[in-house]
PDB file of N, CA and C in Angstrom:
ATOM      1  N   MET A   1       1.725  10.455  -9.048  1.00  0.00           N
ATOM      2  CA  MET A   1       0.766   9.370  -9.050  1.00  0.00           C
ATOM      3  C   MET A   1       1.437   8.110  -9.575  1.00  0.00           C
ATOM      4  N   ILE A   2       1.215   7.011  -8.916  1.00  0.00           N
ATOM      5  CA  ILE A   2       1.769   5.734  -9.324  1.00  0.00           C
ATOM      6  C   ILE A   2       0.886   5.143 -10.415  1.00  0.00           C
ATOM      7  N   ARG A   3       1.473   4.730 -11.497  1.00  0.00           N
ATOM      8  CA  ARG A   3       0.714   4.208 -12.632  1.00  0.00           C
ATOM      9  C   ARG A   3       0.812   2.691 -12.730  1.00  0.00           C
ATOM     10  N   ASN A   4       1.398   2.035 -11.749  1.00  0.00           N
ATOM     11  CA  ASN A   4       1.571   0.587 -11.810  1.00  0.00           C
ATOM     12  C   ASN A   4       0.425  -0.144 -11.139  1.00  0.00           C
ATOM     13  N   ASP A   5      -0.810   0.214 -11.499  1.00  0.00           N
ATOM     14  CA  ASP A   5      -1.970  -0.478 -10.963  1.00  0.00           C
ATOM     15  C   ASP A   5      -1.974  -1.915 -11.465  1.00  0.00           C
ATOM     16  N   LEU A   6      -2.632  -2.782 -10.718  1.00  0.00           N
ATOM     17  CA  LEU A   6      -2.762  -4.166 -11.130  1.00  0.00           C
ATOM     18  C   LEU A   6      -4.007  -4.318 -11.987  1.00  0.00           C
ATOM     19  N   GLN A   7      -3.867  -4.989 -13.102  1.00  0.00           N
ATOM     20  CA  GLN A   7      -4.980  -5.113 -14.035  1.00  0.00           C
ATOM     21  C   GLN A   7      -5.847  -6.308 -13.651  1.00  0.00           C
ATOM     22  N   LEU A   8      -7.156  -6.054 -13.455  1.00  0.00           N
ATOM     23  CA  LEU A   8      -8.104  -7.112 -13.128  1.00  0.00           C
ATOM     24  C   LEU A   8      -8.627  -7.799 -14.379  1.00  0.00           C
ATOM     25  N   ASN A   9      -8.895  -7.021 -15.399  1.00  0.00           N
ATOM     26  CA  ASN A   9      -9.342  -7.551 -16.687  1.00  0.00           C
ATOM     27  C   ASN A   9      -8.906  -6.564 -17.756  1.00  0.00           C
ATOM     28  N   ASN A  10      -9.513  -6.602 -18.908  1.00  0.00           N
ATOM     29  CA  ASN A  10      -9.085  -5.720 -20.003  1.00  0.00           C
ATOM     30  C   ASN A  10      -9.348  -4.245 -19.736  1.00  0.00           C
ATOM     31  N   LYS A  11     -10.242  -3.902 -18.805  1.00  0.00           N
ATOM     32  CA  LYS A  11     -10.627  -2.510 -18.609  1.00  0.00           C
ATOM     33  C   LYS A  11     -10.368  -1.970 -17.213  1.00  0.00           C
ATOM     34  N   GLN A  12     -10.296  -2.814 -16.196  1.00  0.00           N
ATOM     35  CA  GLN A  12     -10.231  -2.332 -14.820  1.00  0.00           C
ATOM     36  C   GLN A  12      -8.831  -2.466 -14.238  1.00  0.00           C
ATOM     37  N   LEU A  13      -8.382  -1.386 -13.591  1.00  0.00           N
ATOM     38  CA  LEU A  13      -7.111  -1.369 -12.879  1.00  0.00           C
ATOM     39  C   LEU A  13      -7.381  -1.041 -11.414  1.00  0.00           C
ATOM     40  N   VAL A  14      -6.596  -1.610 -10.509  1.00  0.00           N
ATOM     41  CA  VAL A  14      -6.793  -1.353  -9.086  1.00  0.00           C
ATOM     42  C   VAL A  14      -5.436  -1.244  -8.395  1.00  0.00           C
ATOM     43  N   SER A  15      -5.323  -0.289  -7.456  1.00  0.00           N
ATOM     44  CA  SER A  15      -4.091  -0.164  -6.674  1.00  0.00           C
ATOM     45  C   SER A  15      -4.394  -0.170  -5.175  1.00  0.00           C
ATOM     46  N   THR A  16      -5.663  -0.042  -4.806  1.00  0.00           N
ATOM     47  CA  THR A  16      -6.027  -0.068  -3.389  1.00  0.00           C
ATOM     48  C   THR A  16      -7.432  -0.631  -3.231  1.00  0.00           C
ATOM     49  N   ILE A  17      -7.639  -1.339  -2.136  1.00  0.00           N
ATOM     50  CA  ILE A  17      -8.947  -1.865  -1.766  1.00  0.00           C
ATOM     51  C   ILE A  17      -9.222  -1.400  -0.343  1.00  0.00           C
ATOM     52  N   ILE A  18     -10.406  -0.854  -0.112  1.00  0.00           N
ATOM     53  CA  ILE A  18     -10.777  -0.363   1.219  1.00  0.00           C
ATOM     54  C   ILE A  18     -12.022  -1.102   1.677  1.00  0.00           C
ATOM     55  N   TYR A  19     -11.982  -1.612   2.925  1.00  0.00           N
ATOM     56  CA  TYR A  19     -13.135  -2.276   3.518  1.00  0.00           C
ATOM     57  C   TYR A  19     -13.156  -1.930   4.999  1.00  0.00           C
ATOM     58  N   ALA A  20     -14.252  -1.309   5.435  1.00  0.00           N
ATOM     59  CA  ALA A  20     -14.398  -0.871   6.836  1.00  0.00           C
ATOM     60  C   ALA A  20     -13.192  -0.007   7.210  1.00  0.00           C
ATOM     61  N   ASP A  21     -12.411  -0.418   8.207  1.00  0.00           N
ATOM     62  CA  ASP A  21     -11.244   0.384   8.606  1.00  0.00           C
ATOM     63  C   ASP A  21      -9.941  -0.243   8.124  1.00  0.00           C
ATOM     64  N   ASP A  22     -10.016  -1.126   7.144  1.00  0.00           N
ATOM     65  CA  ASP A  22      -8.830  -1.766   6.577  1.00  0.00           C
ATOM     66  C   ASP A  22      -8.569  -1.222   5.177  1.00  0.00           C
ATOM     67  N   GLN A  23      -7.302  -1.201   4.809  1.00  0.00           N
ATOM     68  CA  GLN A  23      -6.932  -0.781   3.459  1.00  0.00           C
ATOM     69  C   GLN A  23      -5.830  -1.695   2.955  1.00  0.00           C
ATOM     70  N   ILE A  24      -5.963  -2.116   1.720  1.00  0.00           N
ATOM     71  CA  ILE A  24      -4.954  -2.952   1.067  1.00  0.00           C
ATOM     72  C   ILE A  24      -4.332  -2.134  -0.054  1.00  0.00           C
ATOM     73  N   LEU A  25      -3.015  -2.012  -0.025  1.00  0.00           N
ATOM     74  CA  LEU A  25      -2.277  -1.333  -1.097  1.00  0.00           C
ATOM     75  C   LEU A  25      -1.617  -2.399  -1.946  1.00  0.00           C
ATOM     76  N   MET A  26      -1.733  -2.271  -3.263  1.00  0.00           N
ATOM     77  CA  MET A  26      -1.122  -3.239  -4.171  1.00  0.00           C
ATOM     78  C   MET A  26      -0.256  -2.493  -5.173  1.00  0.00           C
ATOM     79  N   ALA A  27       0.947  -3.004  -5.377  1.00  0.00           N
ATOM     80  CA  ALA A  27       1.873  -2.352  -6.301  1.00  0.00           C
ATOM     81  C   ALA A  27       2.707  -3.408  -7.015  1.00  0.00           C
ATOM     82  N   ILE A  28       3.270  -3.019  -8.129  1.00  0.00           N
ATOM     83  CA  ILE A  28       4.109  -3.910  -8.924  1.00  0.00           C
ATOM     84  C   ILE A  28       5.491  -4.082  -8.292  1.00  0.00           C
ATOM     85  N   SER A  29       6.020  -3.032  -7.655  1.00  0.00           N
ATOM     86  CA  SER A  29       7.367  -3.102  -7.074  1.00  0.00           C
ATOM     87  C   SER A  29       7.351  -2.673  -5.610  1.00  0.00           C
ATOM     88  N   GLU A  30       8.396  -3.063  -4.891  1.00  0.00           N
ATOM     89  CA  GLU A  30       8.537  -2.661  -3.494  1.00  0.00           C
ATOM     90  C   GLU A  30       8.641  -1.143  -3.370  1.00  0.00           C
ATOM     91  N   ASP A  31       9.355  -0.515  -4.303  1.00  0.00           N
ATOM     92  CA  ASP A  31       9.505   0.940  -4.267  1.00  0.00           C
ATOM     93  C   ASP A  31       8.157   1.639  -4.416  1.00  0.00           C
ATOM     94  N   ASP A  32       7.335   1.153  -5.343  1.00  0.00           N
ATOM     95  CA  ASP A  32       6.004   1.741  -5.518  1.00  0.00           C
ATOM     96  C   ASP A  32       5.144   1.531  -4.270  1.00  0.00           C
ATOM     97  N   LEU A  33       5.241   0.349  -3.667  1.00  0.00           N
ATOM     98  CA  LEU A  33       4.476   0.072  -2.457  1.00  0.00           C
ATOM     99  C   LEU A  33       4.923   0.981  -1.318  1.00  0.00           C
ATOM    100  N   GLN A  34       6.238   1.210  -1.196  1.00  0.00           N
ATOM    101  CA  GLN A  34       6.744   2.106  -0.162  1.00  0.00           C
ATOM    102  C   GLN A  34       6.246   3.523  -0.391  1.00  0.00           C
ATOM    103  N   THR A  35       6.241   3.970  -1.644  1.00  0.00           N
ATOM    104  CA  THR A  35       5.737   5.303  -1.971  1.00  0.00           C
ATOM    105  C   THR A  35       4.272   5.431  -1.575  1.00  0.00           C
ATOM    106  N   MET A  36       3.487   4.413  -1.887  1.00  0.00           N
ATOM    107  CA  MET A  36       2.065   4.426  -1.531  1.00  0.00           C
ATOM    108  C   MET A  36       1.874   4.436  -0.017  1.00  0.00           C
ATOM    109  N   ALA A  37       2.673   3.645   0.708  1.00  0.00           N
ATOM    110  CA  ALA A  37       2.579   3.603   2.170  1.00  0.00           C
ATOM    111  C   ALA A  37       2.952   4.956   2.771  1.00  0.00           C
ATOM    112  N   ASN A  38       3.983   5.602   2.229  1.00  0.00           N
ATOM    113  CA  ASN A  38       4.378   6.925   2.711  1.00  0.00           C
ATOM    114  C   ASN A  38       3.267   7.941   2.472  1.00  0.00           C
ATOM    115  N   HIS A  39       2.657   7.898   1.301  1.00  0.00           N
ATOM    116  CA  HIS A  39       1.570   8.815   0.968  1.00  0.00           C
ATOM    117  C   HIS A  39       0.365   8.580   1.889  1.00  0.00           C
ATOM    118  N   MET A  40       0.021   7.321   2.117  1.00  0.00           N
ATOM    119  CA  MET A  40      -1.087   6.996   3.016  1.00  0.00           C
ATOM    120  C   MET A  40      -0.796   7.498   4.433  1.00  0.00           C
ATOM    121  N   ASN A  41       0.441   7.355   4.871  1.00  0.00           N
ATOM    122  CA  ASN A  41       0.825   7.820   6.206  1.00  0.00           C
ATOM    123  C   ASN A  41       0.702   9.340   6.315  1.00  0.00           C
ATOM    124  N   LEU A  42       1.111  10.070   5.275  1.00  0.00           N
ATOM    125  CA  LEU A  42       0.981  11.536   5.287  1.00  0.00           C
ATOM    126  C   LEU A  42      -0.483  11.967   5.374  1.00  0.00           C
ATOM    127  N   ILE A  43      -1.340  11.302   4.633  1.00  0.00           N
ATOM    128  CA  ILE A  43      -2.770  11.626   4.681  1.00  0.00           C
ATOM    129  C   ILE A  43      -3.345  11.314   6.059  1.00  0.00           C
ATOM    130  N   ALA A  44      -2.968  10.175   6.625  1.00  0.00           N
ATOM    131  CA  ALA A  44      -3.450   9.815   7.966  1.00  0.00           C
ATOM    132  C   ALA A  44      -3.025  10.861   8.988  1.00  0.00           C
ATOM    133  N   ARG A  45      -1.782  11.288   8.926  1.00  0.00           N
ATOM    134  CA  ARG A  45      -1.286  12.293   9.874  1.00  0.00           C
ATOM    135  C   ARG A  45      -2.010  13.621   9.703  1.00  0.00           C
ATOM    136  N   LYS A  46      -2.352  13.979   8.468  1.00  0.00           N
ATOM    137  CA  LYS A  46      -3.082  15.220   8.199  1.00  0.00           C
ATOM    138  C   LYS A  46      -4.413  15.236   8.941  1.00  0.00           C
ATOM    139  N   TYR A  47      -5.056  14.079   9.047  1.00  0.00           N
ATOM    140  CA  TYR A  47      -6.346  13.969   9.726  1.00  0.00           C
ATOM    141  C   TYR A  47      -6.215  13.452  11.163  1.00  0.00           C
ATOM    142  N   LYS A  48      -4.987  13.527  11.702  1.00  0.00           N
ATOM    143  CA  LYS A  48      -4.677  13.129  13.075  1.00  0.00           C
ATOM    144  C   LYS A  48      -5.048  11.663  13.353  1.00  0.00           C
ATOM    145  N   MET A  49      -4.800  10.846  12.356  1.00  0.00           N
ATOM    146  CA  MET A  49      -5.014   9.405  12.481  1.00  0.00           C
ATOM    147  C   MET A  49      -3.656   8.727  12.574  1.00  0.00           C
ATOM    148  N   THR A  50      -3.628   7.553  13.146  1.00  0.00           N
ATOM    149  CA  THR A  50      -2.379   6.790  13.225  1.00  0.00           C
ATOM    150  C   THR A  50      -2.563   5.443  12.532  1.00  0.00           C
ATOM    151  N   ILE A  51      -1.470   4.919  12.033  1.00  0.00           N
ATOM    152  CA  ILE A  51      -1.448   3.594  11.423  1.00  0.00           C
ATOM    153  C   ILE A  51      -0.698   2.688  12.390  1.00  0.00           C
ATOM    154  N   SER A  52      -1.335   1.639  12.819  1.00  0.00           N
ATOM    155  CA  SER A  52      -0.734   0.721  13.780  1.00  0.00           C
ATOM    156  C   SER A  52       0.361  -0.101  13.102  1.00  0.00           C
ATOM    157  N   SER A  53       1.588   0.097  13.539  1.00  0.00           N
ATOM    158  CA  SER A  53       2.688  -0.669  12.945  1.00  0.00           C
ATOM    159  C   SER A  53       2.650  -2.130  13.391  1.00  0.00           C
ATOM    160  N   THR A  54       1.997  -2.424  14.518  1.00  0.00           N
ATOM    161  CA  THR A  54       1.905  -3.823  14.963  1.00  0.00           C
ATOM    162  C   THR A  54       0.837  -4.592  14.187  1.00  0.00           C
ATOM    163  N   HIS A  55      -0.149  -3.897  13.643  1.00  0.00           N
ATOM    164  CA  HIS A  55      -1.197  -4.553  12.872  1.00  0.00           C
ATOM    165  C   HIS A  55      -0.981  -4.455  11.361  1.00  0.00           C
ATOM    166  N   THR A  56       0.051  -3.725  10.946  1.00  0.00           N
ATOM    167  CA  THR A  56       0.336  -3.548   9.523  1.00  0.00           C
ATOM    168  C   THR A  56       1.151  -4.735   9.026  1.00  0.00           C
ATOM    169  N   LYS A  57       0.748  -5.268   7.885  1.00  0.00           N
ATOM    170  CA  LYS A  57       1.443  -6.419   7.316  1.00  0.00           C
ATOM    171  C   LYS A  57       1.847  -6.128   5.880  1.00  0.00           C
ATOM    172  N   SER A  58       2.914  -6.784   5.453  1.00  0.00           N
ATOM    173  CA  SER A  58       3.396  -6.663   4.090  1.00  0.00           C
ATOM    174  C   SER A  58       3.534  -8.068   3.525  1.00  0.00           C
ATOM    175  N   LEU A  59       3.126  -8.261   2.285  1.00  0.00           N
ATOM    176  CA  LEU A  59       3.151  -9.583   1.678  1.00  0.00           C
ATOM    177  C   LEU A  59       3.610  -9.479   0.233  1.00  0.00           C
ATOM    178  N   ALA A  60       4.591 -10.285  -0.122  1.00  0.00           N
ATOM    179  CA  ALA A  60       5.039 -10.357  -1.514  1.00  0.00           C
ATOM    180  C   ALA A  60       4.332 -11.532  -2.175  1.00  0.00           C
ATOM    181  N   MET A  61       3.643 -11.258  -3.287  1.00  0.00           N
ATOM    182  CA  MET A  61       2.902 -12.310  -3.976  1.00  0.00           C
ATOM    183  C   MET A  61       3.769 -13.055  -4.986  1.00  0.00           C
ATOM    184  N   TRP A  62       4.824 -12.420  -5.477  1.00  0.00           N
ATOM    185  CA  TRP A  62       5.743 -13.060  -6.407  1.00  0.00           C
ATOM    186  C   TRP A  62       7.060 -12.303  -6.341  1.00  0.00           C
ATOM    187  N   GLY A  63       8.103 -12.909  -6.874  1.00  0.00           N
ATOM    188  CA  GLY A  63       9.405 -12.243  -6.904  1.00  0.00           C
ATOM    189  C   GLY A  63      10.150 -12.371  -5.598  1.00  0.00           C
ATOM    190  N   ASN A  64      10.940 -11.381  -5.307  1.00  0.00           N
ATOM    191  CA  ASN A  64      11.805 -11.362  -4.137  1.00  0.00           C
ATOM    192  C   ASN A  64      10.982 -11.330  -2.852  1.00  0.00           C
ATOM    193  N   PRO A  65      11.165 -12.288  -1.924  1.00  0.00           N
ATOM    194  CA  PRO A  65      10.376 -12.312  -0.691  1.00  0.00           C
ATOM    195  C   PRO A  65      10.791 -11.260   0.350  1.00  0.00           C
ATOM    196  N   ILE A  66      11.906 -10.556   0.134  1.00  0.00           N
ATOM    197  CA  ILE A  66      12.328  -9.520   1.077  1.00  0.00           C
ATOM    198  C   ILE A  66      11.353  -8.364   1.035  1.00  0.00           C
ATOM    199  N   GLN A  67      10.922  -7.927   2.221  1.00  0.00           N
ATOM    200  CA  GLN A  67       9.929  -6.855   2.309  1.00  0.00           C
ATOM    201  C   GLN A  67      10.537  -5.663   3.035  1.00  0.00           C
ATOM    202  N   ARG A  68      10.641  -4.532   2.346  1.00  0.00           N
ATOM    203  CA  ARG A  68      11.261  -3.342   2.913  1.00  0.00           C
ATOM    204  C   ARG A  68      10.255  -2.301   3.357  1.00  0.00           C
ATOM    205  N   VAL A  69       8.966  -2.521   3.155  1.00  0.00           N
ATOM    206  CA  VAL A  69       7.974  -1.492   3.393  1.00  0.00           C
ATOM    207  C   VAL A  69       7.873  -1.195   4.887  1.00  0.00           C
ATOM    208  N   LYS A  70       8.000   0.072   5.228  1.00  0.00           N
ATOM    209  CA  LYS A  70       7.950   0.512   6.615  1.00  0.00           C
ATOM    210  C   LYS A  70       6.975   1.658   6.753  1.00  0.00           C
ATOM    211  N   ILE A  71       6.222   1.661   7.834  1.00  0.00           N
ATOM    212  CA  ILE A  71       5.370   2.795   8.199  1.00  0.00           C
ATOM    213  C   ILE A  71       6.129   3.577   9.252  1.00  0.00           C
ATOM    214  N   VAL A  72       6.425   4.832   8.955  1.00  0.00           N
ATOM    215  CA  VAL A  72       7.193   5.680   9.867  1.00  0.00           C
ATOM    216  C   VAL A  72       6.221   6.562  10.620  1.00  0.00           C
ATOM    217  N   LYS A  73       6.338   6.574  11.936  1.00  0.00           N
ATOM    218  CA  LYS A  73       5.448   7.403  12.753  1.00  0.00           C
ATOM    219  C   LYS A  73       5.952   8.811  12.846  1.00  0.00           C
TER     220      LYS A  73
END
């Protein structure tokens, strides 16, 4: 389990936001984000779902702008 959730206030931590058929993964590091993306992909495959690599986006909010996160089919 990744423990690098983003803190919203003194009590609440969040690492994912889900709305309708969209999901946002948030992590402190690129490595943690890649781990989360890999885990999400494994769960999707378990339920015979696919993640569209053309609709998947990665965004760095601070730090190094290089984005290594990949969804492997």
